[in-house]
């Protein structure tokens, strides 16, 4: 089975829904182990990051209801209402 960016994004969205937050480090480690290195790249700061296509698909799923916290490196809901 060929895994896609949508498969990874669906996993991320499920984790966010269940936990309320999704830390990038945890997501990167899980994605590398379960979906493969091709969904991870090293950014300009030398840190591992999630493929842009995955993040684009993830954003479509949460529809702007989740926000990225640049200081703590996680996604969390923008309001108390979860989808």
Protein backbone atom coordinates (compact mmCIF):
# COMPACT_ATOMS: atom_id res chain seq x y z
CA UNK A 1 0.00 0.00 0.00
CA UNK A 2 1.36 3.39 -0.98
CA UNK A 3 1.00 5.85 1.86
CA UNK A 4 0.14 9.45 0.99
CA UNK A 5 0.38 12.87 2.59
CA UNK A 6 -3.36 12.57 3.28
CA UNK A 7 -2.78 9.37 5.29
CA UNK A 8 -0.25 11.16 7.47
CA UNK A 9 -2.48 14.24 7.82
CA UNK A 10 -5.42 12.05 8.87
CA UNK A 11 -3.27 10.48 11.59
CA UNK A 12 -2.16 13.95 12.78
CA UNK A 13 -5.76 15.17 12.86
CA UNK A 14 -6.85 12.12 14.84
CA UNK A 15 -4.09 12.71 17.38
CA UNK A 16 -5.05 16.38 17.71
CA UNK A 17 -8.70 15.45 18.19
CA UNK A 18 -7.88 12.86 20.86
CA UNK A 19 -5.25 14.76 22.82
CA UNK A 20 -6.14 18.39 22.11
CA UNK A 21 -2.49 19.13 21.22
CA UNK A 22 0.05 17.63 18.86
CA UNK A 23 3.74 18.24 19.52
CA UNK A 24 5.95 18.38 16.45
CA UNK A 25 8.69 16.20 17.98
CA UNK A 26 6.20 13.44 18.77
CA UNK A 27 4.62 13.74 15.34
CA UNK A 28 7.98 13.64 13.52
CA UNK A 29 9.08 10.55 15.45
CA UNK A 30 5.80 8.73 14.84
CA UNK A 31 5.67 9.68 11.16
CA UNK A 32 9.26 8.51 10.57
CA UNK A 33 8.58 5.18 12.30
CA UNK A 34 5.14 4.47 10.88
CA UNK A 35 4.86 6.31 7.57
CA UNK A 36 8.48 6.70 6.46
CA UNK A 37 11.27 9.24 6.19
CA UNK A 38 9.88 10.65 2.94
CA UNK A 39 7.30 12.64 4.93
CA UNK A 40 10.04 14.40 6.94
CA UNK A 41 12.65 16.93 5.86
CA UNK A 42 15.32 19.05 7.57
CA UNK A 43 14.32 22.72 7.63
CA UNK A 44 16.56 25.80 7.32
CA UNK A 45 17.21 25.77 11.07
CA UNK A 46 18.50 22.19 10.90
CA UNK A 47 15.44 20.69 12.60
CA UNK A 48 13.35 17.83 11.34
CA UNK A 49 9.98 19.01 10.09
CA UNK A 50 6.87 17.56 8.52
CA UNK A 51 6.51 17.57 4.73
CA UNK A 52 4.72 20.64 3.38
CA UNK A 53 2.11 18.54 1.52
CA UNK A 54 1.27 16.79 4.80
CA UNK A 55 0.90 20.11 6.60
CA UNK A 56 -1.28 21.45 3.77
CA UNK A 57 -3.58 18.41 4.00
CA UNK A 58 -3.62 18.68 7.81
CA UNK A 59 -4.66 22.34 7.57
CA UNK A 60 -7.56 21.39 5.29
CA UNK A 61 -8.72 18.85 7.86
CA UNK A 62 -8.70 21.22 10.83
CA UNK A 63 -10.03 24.09 8.73
CA UNK A 64 -8.22 26.79 10.68
CA UNK A 65 -9.52 25.56 14.04
CA UNK A 66 -6.00 24.61 15.14
CA UNK A 67 -3.04 26.94 15.49
CA UNK A 68 0.71 26.38 15.49
CA UNK A 69 2.52 27.57 18.63
CA UNK A 70 5.96 28.62 17.37
CA UNK A 71 7.47 28.85 20.84
CA UNK A 72 6.40 25.43 22.10
CA UNK A 73 6.34 23.66 18.70
CA UNK A 74 2.85 22.19 18.84
CA UNK A 75 -0.58 22.49 17.28
CA UNK A 76 -3.57 23.14 19.52
CA UNK A 77 -7.18 24.11 19.13
CA UNK A 78 -7.86 27.82 18.75
CA UNK A 79 -10.97 27.59 20.92
CA UNK A 80 -12.45 25.35 23.58
CA UNK A 81 -14.70 23.76 20.96
CA UNK A 82 -13.22 20.63 19.46
CA UNK A 83 -14.41 19.25 16.15
